[in-house]
């Protein structure tokens, strides 16, 4: 078919070329021979267009599967402690006072004495604390060189034991800062001889559990000698 088409094209081309030359030369253009009856010109087939290759689609990569995570155990909510209202301030402990031991003071009116002299002992019991103390007891064993005469006691229970020559005063409770003063009157007896020293000790006990004491000293001196007229 291609060869036939090429030959036909060649014939037409030559005929056209001859006609052009004859026209230029003044000759009539040749008439193309008539096709015999019944001859049908086979139409020149039109080239079938070569189909354009369809691009082969590139395979879309299959996405890698994301590993499914196994859910861990669901954490248990920590229970919120129930509110108890406004926080109560911690109670501040009241500091306890530091307690001191009660003490006793004893004094005597004479530093020197002779047999027959009257001696006055003054005993003072003091509670120095801002709180009361209890079971306060004062006792005094008098020297055998004196004889007990009397006592001046503002309060409490007083007693005297002649056999032991000892007196005792049970004060019981003593209030904060309380002071109690006692006076004991005695006489220097004949057993006192110079240069004896008359010692006298008073003691105090209380619920504090500590015994306090105080001692006085009186020197026995000789009496005046009767006048003899000698120098």
C-alpha atoms as a PDB file:
ATOM      1  CA  UNK A   1       0.000   0.000   0.000  1.00  0.00           C
ATOM      2  CA  UNK A   2       2.836   2.356   0.802  1.00  0.00           C
ATOM      3  CA  UNK A   3       4.506   1.631  -2.566  1.00  0.00           C
ATOM      4  CA  UNK A   4       1.272   2.277  -4.465  1.00  0.00           C
ATOM      5  CA  UNK A   5       0.722   5.470  -2.620  1.00  0.00           C
ATOM      6  CA  UNK A   6       4.233   6.577  -3.362  1.00  0.00           C
ATOM      7  CA  UNK A   7       3.808   5.808  -7.109  1.00  0.00           C
ATOM      8  CA  UNK A   8       0.533   7.684  -7.299  1.00  0.00           C
ATOM      9  CA  UNK A   9       2.068  10.664  -5.603  1.00  0.00           C
ATOM     10  CA  UNK A  10       4.945  10.526  -8.071  1.00  0.00           C
ATOM     11  CA  UNK A  11       2.567  10.439 -11.110  1.00  0.00           C
ATOM     12  CA  UNK A  12       0.557  13.382  -9.853  1.00  0.00           C
ATOM     13  CA  UNK A  13       3.706  15.307  -9.170  1.00  0.00           C
ATOM     14  CA  UNK A  14       5.103  14.714 -12.649  1.00  0.00           C
ATOM     15  CA  UNK A  15       1.780  15.666 -14.274  1.00  0.00           C
ATOM     16  CA  UNK A  16       1.654  18.910 -12.356  1.00  0.00           C
ATOM     17  CA  UNK A  17       5.238  19.632 -13.273  1.00  0.00           C
ATOM     18  CA  UNK A  18       4.556  19.020 -16.994  1.00  0.00           C
ATOM     19  CA  UNK A  19       1.470  21.222 -16.953  1.00  0.00           C
ATOM     20  CA  UNK A  20       3.430  23.999 -15.318  1.00  0.00           C
ATOM     21  CA  UNK A  21       6.145  23.762 -17.948  1.00  0.00           C
ATOM     22  CA  UNK A  22       3.644  23.725 -20.841  1.00  0.00           C
ATOM     23  CA  UNK A  23       1.812  26.665 -19.432  1.00  0.00           C
ATOM     24  CA  UNK A  24       5.001  28.508 -19.258  1.00  0.00           C
ATOM     25  CA  UNK A  25       5.717  27.463 -22.880  1.00  0.00           C
ATOM     26  CA  UNK A  26       2.193  28.421 -24.086  1.00  0.00           C
ATOM     27  CA  UNK A  27       1.060  24.899 -24.509  1.00  0.00           C
ATOM     28  CA  UNK A  28      -2.125  23.686 -23.032  1.00  0.00           C
ATOM     29  CA  UNK A  29      -1.779  21.594 -20.053  1.00  0.00           C
ATOM     30  CA  UNK A  30      -2.215  17.897 -20.684  1.00  0.00           C
ATOM     31  CA  UNK A  31      -5.389  16.436 -19.540  1.00  0.00           C
ATOM     32  CA  UNK A  32      -5.033  13.665 -17.105  1.00  0.00           C
ATOM     33  CA  UNK A  33      -6.166  10.456 -18.685  1.00  0.00           C
ATOM     34  CA  UNK A  34      -9.586   9.503 -17.592  1.00  0.00           C
ATOM     35  CA  UNK A  35      -9.860   6.670 -15.261  1.00  0.00           C
ATOM     36  CA  UNK A  36     -11.448   3.622 -16.820  1.00  0.00           C
ATOM     37  CA  UNK A  37     -15.096   3.118 -15.999  1.00  0.00           C
ATOM     38  CA  UNK A  38     -15.700   1.243 -12.873  1.00  0.00           C
ATOM     39  CA  UNK A  39     -12.309   2.173 -11.425  1.00  0.00           C
ATOM     40  CA  UNK A  40     -12.548   3.598  -7.994  1.00  0.00           C
ATOM     41  CA  UNK A  41      -9.526   5.190  -6.581  1.00  0.00           C
ATOM     42  CA  UNK A  42      -8.559   3.520  -3.517  1.00  0.00           C
ATOM     43  CA  UNK A  43      -8.377   6.190  -0.873  1.00  0.00           C
ATOM     44  CA  UNK A  44      -5.046   6.684   0.583  1.00  0.00           C
ATOM     45  CA  UNK A  45      -5.309   5.208   3.952  1.00  0.00           C
ATOM     46  CA  UNK A  46      -4.633   7.519   6.733  1.00  0.00           C
ATOM     47  CA  UNK A  47      -1.831   6.392   8.923  1.00  0.00           C
ATOM     48  CA  UNK A  48      -3.177   5.098  12.100  1.00  0.00           C
ATOM     49  CA  UNK A  49      -1.599   7.212  14.764  1.00  0.00           C
ATOM     50  CA  UNK A  50       0.668   5.259  16.914  1.00  0.00           C
ATOM     51  CA  UNK A  51      -0.896   5.338  20.327  1.00  0.00           C
ATOM     52  CA  UNK A  52       1.153   7.110  22.922  1.00  0.00           C
ATOM     53  CA  UNK A  53       2.299   4.722  25.487  1.00  0.00           C
ATOM     54  CA  UNK A  54       0.516   5.187  28.664  1.00  0.00           C
ATOM     55  CA  UNK A  55       3.027   5.606  31.368  1.00  0.00           C
ATOM     56  CA  UNK A  56       3.000   2.649  33.623  1.00  0.00           C
ATOM     57  CA  UNK A  57       1.978   3.994  36.968  1.00  0.00           C
ATOM     58  CA  UNK A  58       4.617   3.627  39.555  1.00  0.00           C
ATOM     59  CA  UNK A  59       3.407   1.482  42.331  1.00  0.00           C
ATOM     60  CA  UNK A  60       2.668   3.574  45.343  1.00  0.00           C
ATOM     61  CA  UNK A  61       4.738   2.102  48.131  1.00  0.00           C
ATOM     62  CA  UNK A  62       2.590   0.436  50.647  1.00  0.00           C
ATOM     63  CA  UNK A  63       3.115   2.288  53.911  1.00  0.00           C
ATOM     64  CA  UNK A  64       4.776   0.262  56.536  1.00  0.00           C
ATOM     65  CA  UNK A  65       2.309  -0.631  59.168  1.00  0.00           C
ATOM     66  CA  UNK A  66       2.800   1.269  62.367  1.00  0.00           C
ATOM     67  CA  UNK A  67       3.114  -1.250  65.129  1.00  0.00           C
ATOM     68  CA  UNK A  68       0.118  -1.179  67.340  1.00  0.00           C
ATOM     69  CA  UNK A  69       1.146  -0.261  70.848  1.00  0.00           C
ATOM     70  CA  UNK A  70      -0.287  -2.362  73.551  1.00  0.00           C
ATOM     71  CA  UNK A  71      -1.827   0.044  76.036  1.00  0.00           C
ATOM     72  CA  UNK A  72      -0.270  -0.229  79.479  1.00  0.00           C
ATOM     73  CA  UNK A  73      -2.321  -0.486  82.591  1.00  0.00           C
ATOM     74  CA  UNK A  74      -4.339   2.612  83.295  1.00  0.00           C
ATOM     75  CA  UNK A  75      -2.854   4.320  86.352  1.00  0.00           C
ATOM     76  CA  UNK A  76      -5.178   4.438  89.294  1.00  0.00           C
ATOM     77  CA  UNK A  77      -5.894   7.955  90.433  1.00  0.00           C
ATOM     78  CA  UNK A  78      -4.482   8.708  93.849  1.00  0.00           C
ATOM     79  CA  UNK A  79      -7.444   9.588  95.998  1.00  0.00           C
ATOM     80  CA  UNK A  80      -7.433  13.190  97.097  1.00  0.00           C
ATOM     81  CA  UNK A  81      -7.700  13.385 100.866  1.00  0.00           C
ATOM     82  CA  UNK A  82     -10.992  14.746 101.952  1.00  0.00           C
ATOM     83  CA  UNK A  83     -10.794  18.310 103.077  1.00  0.00           C
ATOM     84  CA  UNK A  84     -11.319  18.782 106.757  1.00  0.00           C
ATOM     85  CA  UNK A  85     -11.904  22.462 106.483  1.00  0.00           C
ATOM     86  CA  UNK A  86      -9.425  25.132 107.377  1.00  0.00           C
ATOM     87  CA  UNK A  87      -6.161  23.664 108.666  1.00  0.00           C
ATOM     88  CA  UNK A  88      -5.932  23.819 112.407  1.00  0.00           C
ATOM     89  CA  UNK A  89      -2.770  25.471 113.631  1.00  0.00           C
ATOM     90  CA  UNK A  90      -0.601  23.117 115.619  1.00  0.00           C
ATOM     91  CA  UNK A  91      -1.043  23.740 119.287  1.00  0.00           C
ATOM     92  CA  UNK A  92       1.974  25.499 120.691  1.00  0.00           C
ATOM     93  CA  UNK A  93       3.080  23.835 123.864  1.00  0.00           C
ATOM     94  CA  UNK A  94       3.204  26.243 126.770  1.00  0.00           C
ATOM     95  CA  UNK A  95       6.753  26.163 128.133  1.00  0.00           C
ATOM     96  CA  UNK A  96       6.870  24.941 131.696  1.00  0.00           C
ATOM     97  CA  UNK A  97       8.605  27.241 134.154  1.00  0.00           C
ATOM     98  CA  UNK A  98      11.902  26.072 135.567  1.00  0.00           C
ATOM     99  CA  UNK A  99      11.227  25.378 139.243  1.00  0.00           C
ATOM    100  CA  UNK A 100      13.718  26.250 141.926  1.00  0.00           C
ATOM    101  CA  UNK A 101      14.072  24.587 145.277  1.00  0.00           C
ATOM    102  CA  UNK A 102      12.529  26.460 148.193  1.00  0.00           C
ATOM    103  CA  UNK A 103      15.110  27.617 150.671  1.00  0.00           C
ATOM    104  CA  UNK A 104      15.466  28.429 154.339  1.00  0.00           C
ATOM    105  CA  UNK A 105      17.255  31.278 156.106  1.00  0.00           C
ATOM    106  CA  UNK A 106      18.081  31.109 159.819  1.00  0.00           C
ATOM    107  CA  UNK A 107      19.411  33.940 161.985  1.00  0.00           C
ATOM    108  CA  UNK A 108      20.243  34.323 165.661  1.00  0.00           C
ATOM    109  CA  UNK A 109      20.180  37.527 167.680  1.00  0.00           C
ATOM    110  CA  UNK A 110      23.389  36.778 169.624  1.00  0.00           C
ATOM    111  CA  UNK A 111      26.804  35.928 168.247  1.00  0.00           C
ATOM    112  CA  UNK A 112      28.150  35.449 171.788  1.00  0.00           C
ATOM    113  CA  UNK A 113      26.206  34.295 174.823  1.00  0.00           C
ATOM    114  CA  UNK A 114      26.588  33.212 178.421  1.00  0.00           C
ATOM    115  CA  UNK A 115      24.554  30.686 180.393  1.00  0.00           C
ATOM    116  CA  UNK A 116      21.165  32.214 181.228  1.00  0.00           C
ATOM    117  CA  UNK A 117      21.021  34.447 178.134  1.00  0.00           C
ATOM    118  CA  UNK A 118      17.836  34.433 176.029  1.00  0.00           C
ATOM    119  CA  UNK A 119      18.422  33.565 172.410  1.00  0.00           C
ATOM    120  CA  UNK A 120      15.946  34.330 169.596  1.00  0.00           C
ATOM    121  CA  UNK A 121      16.179  32.222 166.447  1.00  0.00           C
ATOM    122  CA  UNK A 122      14.415  33.570 163.339  1.00  0.00           C
ATOM    123  CA  UNK A 123      13.714  31.063 160.540  1.00  0.00           C
ATOM    124  CA  UNK A 124      12.350  32.171 157.169  1.00  0.00           C
ATOM    125  CA  UNK A 125      11.028  29.723 154.553  1.00  0.00           C
ATOM    126  CA  UNK A 126      10.742  31.031 150.956  1.00  0.00           C
ATOM    127  CA  UNK A 127       9.105  29.582 147.837  1.00  0.00           C
ATOM    128  CA  UNK A 128      10.819  31.421 144.927  1.00  0.00           C
ATOM    129  CA  UNK A 129       8.683  29.806 142.211  1.00  0.00           C
ATOM    130  CA  UNK A 130       5.737  31.272 140.264  1.00  0.00           C
ATOM    131  CA  UNK A 131       3.772  28.134 141.155  1.00  0.00           C
ATOM    132  CA  UNK A 132       2.839  26.566 144.481  1.00  0.00           C
ATOM    133  CA  UNK A 133       4.806  23.811 146.175  1.00  0.00           C
ATOM    134  CA  UNK A 134       3.381  21.265 148.568  1.00  0.00           C
ATOM    135  CA  UNK A 135       4.382  19.212 151.624  1.00  0.00           C
ATOM    136  CA  UNK A 136       6.666  21.909 153.039  1.00  0.00           C
ATOM    137  CA  UNK A 137       7.963  20.814 156.484  1.00  0.00           C
ATOM    138  CA  UNK A 138      10.446  22.655 158.678  1.00  0.00           C
ATOM    139  CA  UNK A 139      12.236  21.007 161.599  1.00  0.00           C
ATOM    140  CA  UNK A 140      14.961  22.104 164.012  1.00  0.00           C
ATOM    141  CA  UNK A 141      16.900  19.992 166.509  1.00  0.00           C
ATOM    142  CA  UNK A 142      17.956  22.516 169.123  1.00  0.00           C
ATOM    143  CA  UNK A 143      21.396  22.363 170.659  1.00  0.00           C
ATOM    144  CA  UNK A 144      21.564  20.604 174.055  1.00  0.00           C
ATOM    145  CA  UNK A 145      23.151  23.833 175.341  1.00  0.00           C
ATOM    146  CA  UNK A 146      19.782  25.626 175.153  1.00  0.00           C
ATOM    147  CA  UNK A 147      16.320  24.999 176.567  1.00  0.00           C
ATOM    148  CA  UNK A 148      13.201  25.586 174.409  1.00  0.00           C
ATOM    149  CA  UNK A 149      10.886  28.294 175.737  1.00  0.00           C
ATOM    150  CA  UNK A 150       8.332  29.240 173.027  1.00  0.00           C
ATOM    151  CA  UNK A 151       7.567  29.620 169.316  1.00  0.00           C
ATOM    152  CA  UNK A 152       5.843  32.234 167.171  1.00  0.00           C
ATOM    153  CA  UNK A 153       4.294  30.527 164.144  1.00  0.00           C
ATOM    154  CA  UNK A 154       1.979  32.388 161.670  1.00  0.00           C
ATOM    155  CA  UNK A 155       0.400  29.241 160.248  1.00  0.00           C
ATOM    156  CA  UNK A 156       0.753  25.498 159.864  1.00  0.00           C
ATOM    157  CA  UNK A 157       0.877  22.712 162.452  1.00  0.00           C
ATOM    158  CA  UNK A 158       3.599  23.150 165.083  1.00  0.00           C
ATOM    159  CA  UNK A 159       4.863  20.540 167.538  1.00  0.00           C
ATOM    160  CA  UNK A 160       7.769  20.196 170.015  1.00  0.00           C
ATOM    161  CA  UNK A 161       9.400  16.977 171.229  1.00  0.00           C
ATOM    162  CA  UNK A 162      11.089  17.627 174.653  1.00  0.00           C
ATOM    163  CA  UNK A 163      12.887  14.284 174.610  1.00  0.00           C
ATOM    164  CA  UNK A 164      14.625  15.098 171.327  1.00  0.00           C
ATOM    165  CA  UNK A 165      14.651  18.863 171.992  1.00  0.00           C
ATOM    166  CA  UNK A 166      13.275  19.221 168.422  1.00  0.00           C
ATOM    167  CA  UNK A 167      10.437  21.268 167.030  1.00  0.00           C
ATOM    168  CA  UNK A 168       8.568  20.651 163.749  1.00  0.00           C
ATOM    169  CA  UNK A 169       6.279  22.826 161.630  1.00  0.00           C
ATOM    170  CA  UNK A 170       4.159  21.342 158.828  1.00  0.00           C
ATOM    171  CA  UNK A 171       3.310  24.184 156.421  1.00  0.00           C
ATOM    172  CA  UNK A 172       1.680  22.021 153.731  1.00  0.00           C
ATOM    173  CA  UNK A 173       1.216  24.074 150.550  1.00  0.00           C
ATOM    174  CA  UNK A 174       3.161  27.254 149.941  1.00  0.00           C
ATOM    175  CA  UNK A 175       1.828  29.681 147.358  1.00  0.00           C
ATOM    176  CA  UNK A 176       3.915  31.252 144.568  1.00  0.00           C
ATOM    177  CA  UNK A 177       6.553  33.530 146.099  1.00  0.00           C
ATOM    178  CA  UNK A 178       5.234  32.948 149.624  1.00  0.00           C
ATOM    179  CA  UNK A 179       7.497  33.660 152.613  1.00  0.00           C
ATOM    180  CA  UNK A 180       6.834  32.299 156.110  1.00  0.00           C
ATOM    181  CA  UNK A 181       8.812  33.581 159.135  1.00  0.00           C
ATOM    182  CA  UNK A 182       9.067  31.653 162.432  1.00  0.00           C
ATOM    183  CA  UNK A 183      10.625  32.723 165.729  1.00  0.00           C
ATOM    184  CA  UNK A 184      11.896  30.276 168.360  1.00  0.00           C
ATOM    185  CA  UNK A 185      12.857  31.499 171.814  1.00  0.00           C
ATOM    186  CA  UNK A 186      15.352  29.527 173.942  1.00  0.00           C
ATOM    187  CA  UNK A 187      17.644  30.021 176.970  1.00  0.00           C
ATOM    188  CA  UNK A 188      21.328  29.117 177.265  1.00  0.00           C
ATOM    189  CA  UNK A 189      21.516  26.508 180.012  1.00  0.00           C
ATOM    190  CA  UNK A 190      24.235  25.611 182.491  1.00  0.00           C
ATOM    191  CA  UNK A 191      25.710  22.950 180.268  1.00  0.00           C
ATOM    192  CA  UNK A 192      27.164  25.682 178.105  1.00  0.00           C
ATOM    193  CA  UNK A 193      30.821  26.270 178.960  1.00  0.00           C
ATOM    194  CA  UNK A 194      33.322  28.527 177.290  1.00  0.00           C
ATOM    195  CA  UNK A 195      34.655  28.100 174.615  1.00  0.00           C
ATOM    196  CA  UNK A 196      31.667  25.988 173.415  1.00  0.00           C
ATOM    197  CA  UNK A 197      29.939  26.981 170.208  1.00  0.00           C
ATOM    198  CA  UNK A 198      26.180  26.759 170.137  1.00  0.00           C
ATOM    199  CA  UNK A 199      25.267  25.325 166.696  1.00  0.00           C
ATOM    200  CA  UNK A 200      21.672  25.241 165.556  1.00  0.00           C
ATOM    201  CA  UNK A 201      20.449  23.857 162.192  1.00  0.00           C
ATOM    202  CA  UNK A 202      16.968  24.170 160.709  1.00  0.00           C
ATOM    203  CA  UNK A 203      15.955  21.971 157.737  1.00  0.00           C
ATOM    204  CA  UNK A 204      13.275  22.256 155.066  1.00  0.00           C
ATOM    205  CA  UNK A 205      11.780  19.491 152.908  1.00  0.00           C
ATOM    206  CA  UNK A 206       9.024  19.722 150.291  1.00  0.00           C
ATOM    207  CA  UNK A 207       7.528  17.979 147.277  1.00  0.00           C
ATOM    208  CA  UNK A 208      10.613  19.110 145.358  1.00  0.00           C
ATOM    209  CA  UNK A 209      12.426  16.297 147.190  1.00  0.00           C
ATOM    210  CA  UNK A 210      15.479  18.337 148.189  1.00  0.00           C
ATOM    211  CA  UNK A 211      16.375  19.105 151.805  1.00  0.00           C
ATOM    212  CA  UNK A 212      17.620  22.620 152.464  1.00  0.00           C
ATOM    213  CA  UNK A 213      19.249  23.608 155.738  1.00  0.00           C
ATOM    214  CA  UNK A 214      20.811  26.578 157.458  1.00  0.00           C
ATOM    215  CA  UNK A 215      22.954  26.708 160.579  1.00  0.00           C
ATOM    216  CA  UNK A 216      23.648  29.483 163.066  1.00  0.00           C
ATOM    217  CA  UNK A 217      26.609  29.710 165.441  1.00  0.00           C
ATOM    218  CA  UNK A 218      26.770  31.348 168.808  1.00  0.00           C
ATOM    219  CA  UNK A 219      29.970  31.365 170.799  1.00  0.00           C
ATOM    220  CA  UNK A 220      29.662  30.705 174.517  1.00  0.00           C
ATOM    221  CA  UNK A 221      31.813  33.129 176.450  1.00  0.00           C
ATOM    222  CA  UNK A 222      32.589  33.286 180.144  1.00  0.00           C
ATOM    223  CA  UNK A 223      30.602  35.586 182.380  1.00  0.00           C
ATOM    224  CA  UNK A 224      32.109  38.515 184.209  1.00  0.00           C
ATOM    225  CA  UNK A 225      34.141  37.574 187.292  1.00  0.00           C
ATOM    226  CA  UNK A 226      33.131  39.218 190.530  1.00  0.00           C
ATOM    227  CA  UNK A 227      35.334  42.086 191.505  1.00  0.00           C
ATOM    228  CA  UNK A 228      38.137  41.137 193.985  1.00  0.00           C
ATOM    229  CA  UNK A 229      39.859  44.438 194.225  1.00  0.00           C
ATOM    230  CA  UNK A 230      42.848  42.985 192.443  1.00  0.00           C
ATOM    231  CA  UNK A 231      44.131  44.436 189.317  1.00  0.00           C
END
